[in-house]
Amino acid sequence: MSDPRILELCGLAERFREGCFEVDARIAGSDEVARLAGLLRDLGRSLHEGFEKVRLLTRLTEEINSGLLLDEVLDHIFDGFRPLIPYDRIGMSLLEDQGRKVRVRWERSDLAGPPFPENYQLPLAETSLGGLLTENRPRILNDLREYLLDRPGSEATRHLVEAGILSSLTCPLLARGHPVGFLFFSSCQPGVYREAHVDLFVQIAGQVSVILEKARLYQEIAELNHLKDRFLGVAAHDLRSPLAFLKGYLDLMREGDMGELSCAQAEAVEKMRATCRTMLALLNDLLSLNAIASGRVRMNPRPEDCRLLLQECAAIGVMLATRKGMSLVLEAPDELPMVVCDREKLAQALNNLVSNAIKFSHPGTTVTLRAGTGQGEIWFEVIDQGVGIPEHELGGLFSFLQRPSVRPTGGEMSTGLGLPIVRRILEAHGGTVRVSSEAGKGSTFTLLLPLEGCPRPGVMLG
């Protein structure tokens, strides 16, 4: 007859296979079966702890990966990794100058002050970190005071010990097989980091390396984009003055203030004036978009009568449409709710859409300006019967300098910046802009604004 304890142990093994590691294998006796039960109990505890660590690491990795900027990602690491690793400080250093230097990029701690001066850096050859990159293994120092006695020339270790740090764990960071830096966990207690943790540290370092490299590259792109915006702003501003000066002289020539012009000269002056107008409009749009993107434009929201705002936009639109042999129709309820908005900015967005609708429509057609409310929002629509936009171009329509392939029907000037400006204005109001279009049949642009939760005074538009 088989030992019933064996059947119980088989049941425990089945539970292991199903992923349930919290088992109570307390079987009486002192023979081999009882010993096996004890080993299974210890194995289950070890597997459960390992499984929980992996699950926690996965969750933390997902949270960290949700960040975009490098400092944001590193703050996630500092706040979230305590259940896995004990530390009083976390620091990150990056390799620079083609791997010849290592610089402290970020550090955060529970200490009174950071151990290292700002932008602290050392030649990699003067440190003991180079070997870690070759081996791609974490280094554990359980007593930094003893380590400093053996290596009194270690400047970085001296900074740490003076700050009260007594043990450290250094993880090399590699992204796509290339070393990018180091992640340092430090504790004010000696002997905190045990060899048993090494495999876990290797796993953490591998996952964090890729996330940190992604965040670092994203931040570099963001900084370059900010630099690009500043350059555009300066260039546009510096170009606008001489163009306005040139246009002023051309106006004087056209009026005859600088002498009589021949027909050929008058025609040339008119073409130059038209070119100046086009370039000035482009520069003004660039300056407007750049000011919005850099956050230099402040919103001034107040309760506004949307019906009156629509009527004013329609009046401007009627003048533009009449010149082109078109019609503009306003369709809106007699009463619309007051909306908290920046009147000037919202009018700019609506006028941009109405102007575009007229530019991309043919004489004899109608542009309709509509408004209404529903689901806690007020909506405005500009509908035209124009050339329409190909479906594959709709996704990038509101992006910077993503101009559609269609062109104005009357040769009008179009900078391609009006729609990005509209999108930024609506986003600053907590709203959205949508478009539906069919090539050859026209387009409908819809602005949606929340009736509650509009921007507060002084909020930056950016």
Protein backbone atom coordinates (compact mmCIF):
# COMPACT_ATOMS: atom_id res chain seq x y z
CA MET A 1 0.00 0.00 0.00
CA SER A 2 1.46 3.41 -1.03
CA ASP A 3 2.29 6.06 1.55
CA PRO A 4 -0.57 8.64 1.62
CA ARG A 5 2.03 11.32 2.28
CA ILE A 6 3.40 10.70 -1.22
CA LEU A 7 -0.01 11.49 -2.69
CA GLU A 8 -0.09 14.74 -0.71
CA LEU A 9 3.32 15.70 -2.05
CA CYS A 10 2.15 14.93 -5.59
CA GLY A 11 -0.74 17.32 -5.00
CA LEU A 12 1.71 20.03 -3.89
CA ALA A 13 3.75 19.51 -7.06
CA GLU A 14 0.58 19.91 -9.13
CA ARG A 15 -0.08 23.22 -7.39
CA PHE A 16 3.46 24.33 -8.22
CA ARG A 17 2.82 23.54 -11.86
CA GLU A 18 -0.32 25.69 -11.75
CA GLY A 19 1.68 28.62 -10.38
CA CYS A 20 0.56 28.39 -6.77
CA PHE A 21 3.73 28.45 -4.65
CA GLU A 22 2.28 29.30 -1.24
CA VAL A 23 1.96 25.77 0.14
CA ASP A 24 2.00 24.29 3.62
CA ALA A 25 3.82 20.99 3.30
CA ARG A 26 3.93 20.11 7.00
CA ILE A 27 4.12 16.32 7.00
CA ALA A 28 4.88 14.51 10.22
CA GLY A 29 7.82 12.24 10.56
CA SER A 30 11.59 12.27 10.31
CA ASP A 31 12.09 10.02 7.30
CA GLU A 32 12.93 10.96 3.72
CA VAL A 33 9.30 11.77 2.86
CA ALA A 34 9.09 14.33 5.67
CA ARG A 35 12.44 15.78 4.59
CA LEU A 36 11.15 16.05 1.02
CA ALA A 37 8.08 17.88 2.30
CA GLY A 38 10.30 20.39 4.06
CA LEU A 39 12.36 20.94 0.89
CA LEU A 40 9.17 21.47 -1.12
CA ARG A 41 7.97 24.01 1.43
CA ASP A 42 11.25 25.93 1.19
CA LEU A 43 11.18 25.69 -2.60
CA GLY A 44 7.64 27.04 -2.69
CA ARG A 45 8.60 29.98 -0.48
CA SER A 46 11.61 30.74 -2.67
CA LEU A 47 9.57 30.48 -5.87
CA HIS A 48 6.85 32.69 -4.42
CA GLU A 49 9.37 35.38 -3.44
CA GLY A 50 11.00 35.21 -6.87
CA PHE A 51 7.65 35.35 -8.63
CA GLU A 52 6.57 38.38 -6.59
CA LYS A 53 9.85 40.13 -7.37
CA VAL A 54 9.43 39.49 -11.08
CA ARG A 55 5.84 40.69 -10.99
CA LEU A 56 6.84 43.83 -9.07
CA LEU A 57 9.73 44.44 -11.45
CA THR A 58 7.40 44.08 -14.44
CA ARG A 59 4.92 46.55 -12.95
CA LEU A 60 7.67 49.03 -12.08
CA THR A 61 9.18 48.71 -15.53
CA GLU A 62 5.80 49.50 -17.11
CA GLU A 63 5.39 52.55 -14.87
CA ILE A 64 8.92 53.75 -15.59
CA ASN A 65 8.50 53.19 -19.32
CA SER A 66 5.42 55.43 -19.29
CA GLY A 67 7.69 58.42 -18.66
CA LEU A 68 9.20 60.34 -21.54
CA LEU A 69 11.70 62.78 -20.08
CA LEU A 70 14.84 61.40 -18.47
CA ASP A 71 14.38 63.11 -15.10
CA GLU A 72 10.79 61.89 -14.97
CA VAL A 73 11.90 58.29 -15.59
CA LEU A 74 14.63 58.52 -12.94
CA ASP A 75 12.19 59.90 -10.39
CA HIS A 76 9.95 56.87 -11.07
CA ILE A 77 12.93 54.61 -10.37
CA PHE A 78 13.75 56.36 -7.08
CA ASP A 79 10.17 56.24 -5.85
CA GLY A 80 9.38 52.69 -6.98
CA PHE A 81 12.37 50.38 -6.49
CA ARG A 82 12.55 50.32 -2.69
CA PRO A 83 10.63 46.99 -2.42
CA LEU A 84 13.36 45.39 -4.54
CA ILE A 85 16.58 47.16 -3.49
CA PRO A 86 17.47 49.01 -0.28
CA TYR A 87 18.98 52.44 -0.88
CA ASP A 88 19.32 55.94 0.49
CA ARG A 89 20.54 57.38 -2.80
CA ILE A 90 20.30 56.61 -6.51
CA GLY A 91 22.56 58.26 -9.04
CA MET A 92 23.05 57.97 -12.76
CA SER A 93 26.16 58.85 -14.73
CA LEU A 94 26.42 58.97 -18.51
CA LEU A 95 29.36 58.32 -20.76
CA GLU A 96 30.36 61.37 -22.80
CA ASP A 97 33.13 62.44 -25.16
CA GLN A 98 32.88 59.12 -27.05
CA GLY A 99 33.10 57.13 -23.84
CA ARG A 100 36.20 58.84 -22.49
CA LYS A 101 34.43 60.70 -19.68
CA VAL A 102 31.76 59.79 -17.16
CA ARG A 103 29.54 62.59 -15.82
CA VAL A 104 26.97 62.59 -13.02
CA ARG A 105 23.75 63.29 -14.89
CA TRP A 106 21.22 62.85 -12.07
CA GLU A 107 21.09 61.92 -8.42
CA ARG A 108 18.42 61.85 -5.77
CA SER A 109 18.74 60.86 -2.14
CA ASP A 110 17.36 61.02 1.38
CA LEU A 111 20.63 62.64 2.49
CA ALA A 112 21.05 66.25 3.56
CA GLY A 113 22.80 67.12 0.30
CA PRO A 114 24.10 65.47 -2.88
CA PRO A 115 27.54 63.83 -2.53
CA PHE A 116 28.84 65.25 -5.80
CA PRO A 117 29.14 68.83 -7.06
CA GLU A 118 26.90 69.80 -9.97
CA ASN A 119 28.04 68.39 -13.35
CA TYR A 120 30.75 66.35 -11.62
CA GLN A 121 32.78 64.37 -14.13
CA LEU A 122 35.94 62.30 -14.37
CA PRO A 123 37.92 60.66 -17.16
CA LEU A 124 36.73 57.05 -17.32
CA ALA A 125 40.36 55.86 -17.31
CA GLU A 126 40.84 57.41 -13.86
CA THR A 127 38.03 55.32 -12.38
CA SER A 128 37.50 51.62 -11.77
CA LEU A 129 34.27 51.62 -13.78
CA GLY A 130 35.72 50.62 -17.15
CA GLY A 131 36.03 46.98 -16.16
CA LEU A 132 32.34 46.81 -15.28
CA LEU A 133 31.42 47.70 -18.86
CA THR A 134 33.62 44.90 -20.18
CA GLU A 135 32.15 42.28 -17.82
CA ASN A 136 28.62 43.78 -17.88
CA ARG A 137 28.14 42.71 -14.26
CA PRO A 138 27.10 44.78 -11.26
CA ARG A 139 29.72 45.60 -8.64
CA ILE A 140 28.92 45.40 -4.95
CA LEU A 141 31.00 47.29 -2.40
CA ASN A 142 29.87 46.42 1.11
CA ASP A 143 32.22 48.78 2.97
CA LEU A 144 33.24 51.95 1.17
CA ARG A 145 35.45 53.10 4.07
CA GLU A 146 37.56 49.97 3.70
CA TYR A 147 37.55 50.38 -0.09
CA LEU A 148 38.81 53.97 0.31
CA LEU A 149 41.63 52.82 2.60
CA ASP A 150 42.78 50.45 -0.15
CA ARG A 151 42.37 53.13 -2.84
CA PRO A 152 42.98 56.51 -1.22
CA GLY A 153 43.17 58.16 -4.65
CA SER A 154 39.51 57.34 -5.48
CA GLU A 155 38.00 60.81 -5.56
CA ALA A 156 34.44 59.63 -6.21
CA THR A 157 34.55 57.17 -3.27
CA ARG A 158 35.80 59.93 -0.98
CA HIS A 159 32.80 62.11 -1.92
CA LEU A 160 30.43 59.24 -1.10
CA VAL A 161 32.03 58.39 2.25
CA GLU A 162 32.06 62.05 3.30
CA ALA A 163 28.32 62.15 2.56
CA GLY A 164 27.77 59.17 4.89
CA ILE A 165 27.36 56.45 2.27
CA LEU A 166 28.90 53.14 3.33
CA SER A 167 27.86 50.59 0.69
CA SER A 168 27.08 50.74 -3.00
CA LEU A 169 25.79 48.77 -5.93
CA THR A 170 26.92 49.85 -9.40
CA CYS A 171 25.03 48.59 -12.47
CA PRO A 172 26.50 49.21 -15.94
CA LEU A 173 23.93 50.43 -18.45
CA LEU A 174 24.01 49.13 -22.00
CA ALA A 175 21.56 50.02 -24.76
CA ARG A 176 21.54 48.07 -28.02
CA GLY A 177 24.78 46.44 -26.95
CA HIS A 178 26.62 49.71 -26.38
CA PRO A 179 27.59 51.13 -22.96
CA VAL A 180 25.77 54.34 -22.10
CA GLY A 181 26.52 54.84 -18.40
CA PHE A 182 26.02 53.56 -14.87
CA LEU A 183 23.21 53.35 -12.33
CA PHE A 184 24.31 53.61 -8.69
CA PHE A 185 22.35 52.42 -5.65
CA SER A 186 23.89 53.61 -2.36
CA SER A 187 23.13 52.97 1.29
CA CYS A 188 24.24 54.54 4.56
CA GLN A 189 24.47 51.05 6.07
CA PRO A 190 27.41 48.70 5.40
CA GLY A 191 26.86 45.26 3.89
CA VAL A 192 23.44 46.04 2.42
CA TYR A 193 24.00 44.50 -1.01
CA ARG A 194 24.51 40.74 -0.97
CA GLU A 195 25.80 38.51 -3.74
CA ALA A 196 22.43 36.73 -3.81
CA HIS A 197 20.93 39.83 -5.39
CA VAL A 198 23.26 39.95 -8.39
CA ASP A 199 20.97 38.15 -10.86
CA LEU A 200 18.10 40.44 -9.95
CA PHE A 201 20.35 43.48 -10.34
CA VAL A 202 21.46 42.29 -13.77
CA GLN A 203 17.81 41.95 -14.81
CA ILE A 204 16.97 45.41 -13.46
CA ALA A 205 19.96 47.02 -15.15
CA GLY A 206 19.11 45.39 -18.50
CA GLN A 207 15.52 46.64 -18.52
CA VAL A 208 16.31 50.07 -17.12
CA SER A 209 19.15 50.66 -19.61
CA VAL A 210 16.85 50.62 -22.63
CA ILE A 211 14.25 52.81 -20.90
CA LEU A 212 16.85 55.37 -19.82
CA GLU A 213 18.39 55.51 -23.28
CA LYS A 214 14.95 56.08 -24.81
CA ALA A 215 14.23 58.86 -22.31
CA ARG A 216 17.64 60.44 -22.85
CA LEU A 217 17.20 60.50 -26.63
CA TYR A 218 13.65 61.87 -26.29
CA GLN A 219 14.92 64.65 -24.01
CA GLU A 220 17.69 65.51 -26.46
CA ILE A 221 15.12 65.72 -29.24
CA ALA A 222 12.90 67.93 -27.07
CA GLU A 223 15.83 70.24 -26.31
CA LEU A 224 16.80 70.40 -29.99
CA ASN A 225 13.18 71.15 -30.88
CA HIS A 226 13.16 73.99 -28.35
CA LEU A 227 16.39 75.31 -29.85
CA LYS A 228 14.84 75.08 -33.31
CA ASP A 229 11.79 77.07 -32.12
CA ARG A 230 14.05 79.77 -30.69
CA PHE A 231 16.04 79.95 -33.91
CA LEU A 232 12.85 80.22 -35.99
CA GLY A 233 11.58 82.98 -33.75
CA VAL A 234 14.79 85.00 -33.96
CA ALA A 235 15.15 84.47 -37.71
CA ALA A 236 11.52 85.38 -38.45
CA HIS A 237 11.69 88.46 -36.26
CA ASP A 238 14.95 89.64 -37.84
CA LEU A 239 13.63 89.07 -41.37
CA ARG A 240 10.31 90.83 -40.82
CA SER A 241 11.75 94.31 -40.29
CA PRO A 242 13.78 94.55 -43.54
CA LEU A 243 10.86 93.06 -45.49
CA ALA A 244 8.48 95.65 -44.05
CA PHE A 245 11.04 98.33 -44.89
CA LEU A 246 11.30 97.02 -48.46
CA LYS A 247 7.51 96.87 -48.83
CA GLY A 248 7.25 100.47 -47.61
CA TYR A 249 9.56 101.67 -50.37
CA LEU A 250 7.66 99.61 -52.96
CA ASP A 251 4.41 101.23 -51.78
CA LEU A 252 5.97 104.66 -52.29
CA MET A 253 7.09 103.69 -55.80
CA ARG A 254 3.64 102.34 -56.63
CA GLU A 255 2.01 105.60 -55.52
CA GLY A 256 4.40 107.62 -57.70
CA ASP A 257 6.15 109.36 -54.81
CA MET A 258 9.52 108.41 -56.30
CA GLY A 259 8.78 109.32 -59.89
CA GLU A 260 6.61 108.09 -62.72
CA LEU A 261 6.91 104.38 -63.50
CA SER A 262 6.64 102.77 -66.90
CA CYS A 263 4.11 99.98 -67.39
CA ALA A 264 6.85 97.35 -67.12
CA GLN A 265 8.25 98.96 -63.97
CA ALA A 266 4.80 99.23 -62.39
CA GLU A 267 4.13 95.57 -63.13
CA ALA A 268 7.50 94.57 -61.60
CA VAL A 269 6.80 96.66 -58.48
CA GLU A 270 3.37 95.05 -58.09
CA LYS A 271 4.90 91.57 -58.28
CA MET A 272 7.52 92.52 -55.69
CA ARG A 273 4.82 93.93 -53.39
CA ALA A 274 2.84 90.69 -53.71
CA THR A 275 5.96 88.68 -52.88
CA CYS A 276 6.63 90.90 -49.85
CA ARG A 277 3.05 90.39 -48.64
CA THR A 278 3.41 86.63 -48.98
CA MET A 279 6.69 86.56 -47.10
CA LEU A 280 5.42 88.87 -44.36
CA ALA A 281 2.35 86.68 -43.91
CA LEU A 282 4.61 83.61 -43.65
CA LEU A 283 6.87 85.32 -41.10
CA ASN A 284 3.88 86.50 -39.06
CA ASP A 285 2.51 82.93 -39.00
CA LEU A 286 5.93 81.60 -38.01
CA LEU A 287 6.18 84.12 -35.18
CA SER A 288 2.66 83.31 -34.03
CA LEU A 289 3.26 79.56 -34.07
CA ASN A 290 6.66 79.95 -32.42
CA ALA A 291 5.24 82.15 -29.66
CA ILE A 292 2.52 79.58 -28.99
CA ALA A 293 4.95 76.63 -29.03
CA SER A 294 7.40 78.33 -26.64
CA GLY A 295 4.64 79.29 -24.20
CA ARG A 296 5.14 83.05 -24.53
CA VAL A 297 1.49 83.75 -25.34
CA ARG A 298 -0.74 84.04 -22.30
CA MET A 299 -4.41 83.18 -22.42
CA ASN A 300 -6.85 85.85 -21.28
CA PRO A 301 -10.11 83.91 -20.91
CA ARG A 302 -13.35 85.66 -20.06
CA PRO A 303 -17.05 84.83 -20.52
CA GLU A 304 -17.87 85.60 -24.14
CA ASP A 305 -21.05 85.75 -26.23
CA CYS A 306 -20.37 83.11 -28.90
CA ARG A 307 -23.25 84.28 -31.09
CA LEU A 308 -21.66 87.75 -31.36
CA LEU A 309 -18.25 86.22 -32.01
CA LEU A 310 -19.69 84.11 -34.85
CA GLN A 311 -21.40 87.11 -36.39
CA GLU A 312 -18.14 89.06 -36.46
CA CYS A 313 -16.27 86.12 -38.03
CA ALA A 314 -19.07 85.67 -40.57
CA ALA A 315 -18.90 89.36 -41.52
CA ILE A 316 -15.19 89.06 -42.31
CA GLY A 317 -15.84 85.82 -44.19
CA VAL A 318 -18.61 87.39 -46.31
CA MET A 319 -16.20 90.07 -47.54
CA LEU A 320 -13.58 87.46 -48.50
CA ALA A 321 -16.16 85.20 -50.14
CA THR A 322 -17.79 88.03 -52.13
CA ARG A 323 -14.47 89.00 -53.67
CA LYS A 324 -14.18 85.45 -55.00
CA GLY A 325 -17.77 85.17 -56.21
CA MET A 326 -18.80 82.87 -53.38
CA SER A 327 -21.39 82.88 -50.60
CA LEU A 328 -20.97 82.47 -46.84
CA VAL A 329 -23.90 81.40 -44.67
CA LEU A 330 -24.14 81.53 -40.87
CA GLU A 331 -26.30 78.81 -39.27
CA ALA A 332 -26.52 79.03 -35.50
CA PRO A 333 -29.26 79.06 -32.82
CA ASP A 334 -30.56 82.44 -31.73
CA GLU A 335 -29.14 81.74 -28.28
CA LEU A 336 -25.80 80.15 -27.50
CA PRO A 337 -24.31 79.75 -24.01
CA MET A 338 -21.62 82.07 -22.76
CA VAL A 339 -18.24 80.40 -23.02
CA VAL A 340 -15.08 81.20 -21.08
CA CYS A 341 -12.43 81.66 -23.77
CA ASP A 342 -9.77 83.96 -25.08
CA ARG A 343 -11.88 85.86 -27.58
CA GLU A 344 -8.97 87.03 -29.73
CA LYS A 345 -7.42 83.56 -29.99
CA LEU A 346 -10.70 81.76 -30.67
CA ALA A 347 -11.58 84.35 -33.35
CA GLN A 348 -8.15 83.75 -34.89
CA ALA A 349 -8.86 80.01 -35.08
CA LEU A 350 -12.31 80.50 -36.65
CA ASN A 351 -11.07 83.11 -39.11
CA ASN A 352 -8.24 80.80 -40.16
CA LEU A 353 -10.71 78.03 -40.96
CA VAL A 354 -13.12 80.34 -42.81
CA SER A 355 -10.26 81.87 -44.81
CA ASN A 356 -8.97 78.39 -45.72
CA ALA A 357 -12.44 77.25 -46.77
CA ILE A 358 -12.69 80.20 -49.17
CA LYS A 359 -9.16 79.74 -50.51
CA PHE A 360 -9.74 76.08 -51.36
CA SER A 361 -13.23 76.51 -52.87
CA HIS A 362 -14.40 77.50 -56.34
CA PRO A 363 -16.46 80.57 -57.27
CA GLY A 364 -20.19 79.90 -57.14
CA THR A 365 -19.96 77.58 -54.09
CA THR A 366 -21.00 78.19 -50.49
CA VAL A 367 -19.11 78.12 -47.20
CA THR A 368 -21.24 77.44 -44.13
CA LEU A 369 -20.35 78.53 -40.60
CA ARG A 370 -22.39 76.58 -38.03
CA ALA A 371 -22.53 76.26 -34.24
CA GLY A 372 -24.40 74.27 -31.62
CA THR A 373 -24.12 72.54 -28.24
CA GLY A 374 -24.25 68.99 -26.94
CA GLN A 375 -22.69 66.66 -24.36
CA GLY A 376 -21.19 69.48 -22.32
CA GLU A 377 -19.50 71.08 -25.33
CA ILE A 378 -20.06 73.87 -27.79
CA TRP A 379 -19.06 73.11 -31.36
CA PHE A 380 -18.28 75.25 -34.37
CA GLU A 381 -18.17 73.92 -37.92
CA VAL A 382 -16.79 75.38 -41.12
CA ILE A 383 -18.12 73.49 -44.14
CA ASP A 384 -17.02 74.09 -47.71
CA GLN A 385 -17.77 72.60 -51.13
CA GLY A 386 -14.17 72.91 -52.27
CA VAL A 387 -11.40 70.67 -53.54
CA GLY A 388 -11.28 68.46 -50.42
CA ILE A 389 -8.25 66.72 -48.95
CA PRO A 390 -6.98 63.23 -49.83
CA GLU A 391 -7.69 60.75 -47.03
CA HIS A 392 -4.04 59.78 -46.54
CA GLU A 393 -3.11 63.41 -45.79
CA LEU A 394 -5.67 64.01 -43.04
CA GLY A 395 -3.50 62.55 -40.27
CA GLY A 396 -0.73 65.13 -40.66
CA LEU A 397 -2.94 68.07 -41.51
CA PHE A 398 -2.43 69.87 -38.19
CA SER A 399 1.32 69.20 -37.98
CA PHE A 400 3.94 71.88 -38.38
CA LEU A 401 4.66 72.54 -42.08
CA GLN A 402 2.71 69.45 -43.23
CA ARG A 403 0.98 71.08 -46.16
CA PRO A 404 -1.61 69.13 -48.16
CA SER A 405 -1.06 68.45 -51.84
CA VAL A 406 -4.14 70.49 -52.84
CA ARG A 407 -3.65 74.17 -53.69
CA PRO A 408 -5.87 77.26 -53.41
CA THR A 409 -8.25 77.54 -56.34
CA GLY A 410 -7.58 81.22 -57.03
CA GLY A 411 -3.80 81.25 -56.61
CA GLU A 412 -4.08 82.66 -53.09
CA MET A 413 -1.12 82.52 -50.74
CA SER A 414 -1.05 79.69 -48.17
CA THR A 415 1.78 79.27 -45.63
CA GLY A 416 0.70 75.87 -44.34
CA LEU A 417 0.87 77.16 -40.74
CA GLY A 418 -2.75 78.15 -40.15
CA LEU A 419 -3.99 74.70 -39.13
CA PRO A 420 -1.19 74.01 -36.62
CA ILE A 421 -2.01 77.37 -35.03
CA VAL A 422 -5.70 76.40 -34.86
CA ARG A 423 -4.81 73.11 -33.15
CA ARG A 424 -2.59 74.82 -30.56
CA ILE A 425 -5.29 77.39 -29.77
CA LEU A 426 -7.95 74.71 -29.28
CA GLU A 427 -5.67 72.57 -27.11
CA ALA A 428 -4.93 75.59 -24.93
CA HIS A 429 -8.69 75.92 -24.39
CA GLY A 430 -8.97 72.24 -23.46
CA GLY A 431 -10.71 71.55 -26.75
CA THR A 432 -10.03 69.68 -29.97
CA VAL A 433 -10.24 70.20 -33.71
CA ARG A 434 -11.42 67.55 -36.15
CA VAL A 435 -11.66 67.27 -39.90
CA SER A 436 -13.59 65.15 -42.34
CA SER A 437 -13.03 65.51 -46.04
CA GLU A 438 -13.46 63.86 -49.40
CA ALA A 439 -11.32 64.78 -52.37
CA GLY A 440 -13.31 66.81 -54.86
CA LYS A 441 -16.35 67.24 -52.58
CA GLY A 442 -15.22 69.55 -49.78
CA SER A 443 -14.20 69.53 -46.13
CA THR A 444 -15.73 70.03 -42.70
CA PHE A 445 -13.60 71.36 -39.84
CA THR A 446 -15.09 71.08 -36.35
CA LEU A 447 -13.92 72.93 -33.24
CA LEU A 448 -15.05 71.44 -29.90
CA LEU A 449 -14.80 73.47 -26.69
CA PRO A 450 -15.85 72.30 -23.20
CA LEU A 451 -18.51 74.45 -21.59
CA GLU A 452 -16.70 73.94 -18.28
CA GLY A 453 -13.03 73.70 -17.42
CA CYS A 454 -11.79 76.29 -19.90
CA PRO A 455 -8.37 77.90 -19.29
CA ARG A 456 -7.73 80.09 -16.32
CA PRO A 457 -6.35 83.62 -16.72
CA GLY A 458 -2.61 83.69 -17.26
CA VAL A 459 -2.33 80.10 -18.52
CA MET A 460 0.45 79.88 -21.08
CA LEU A 461 -0.53 78.92 -24.59
CA GLY A 462 1.99 76.29 -25.60
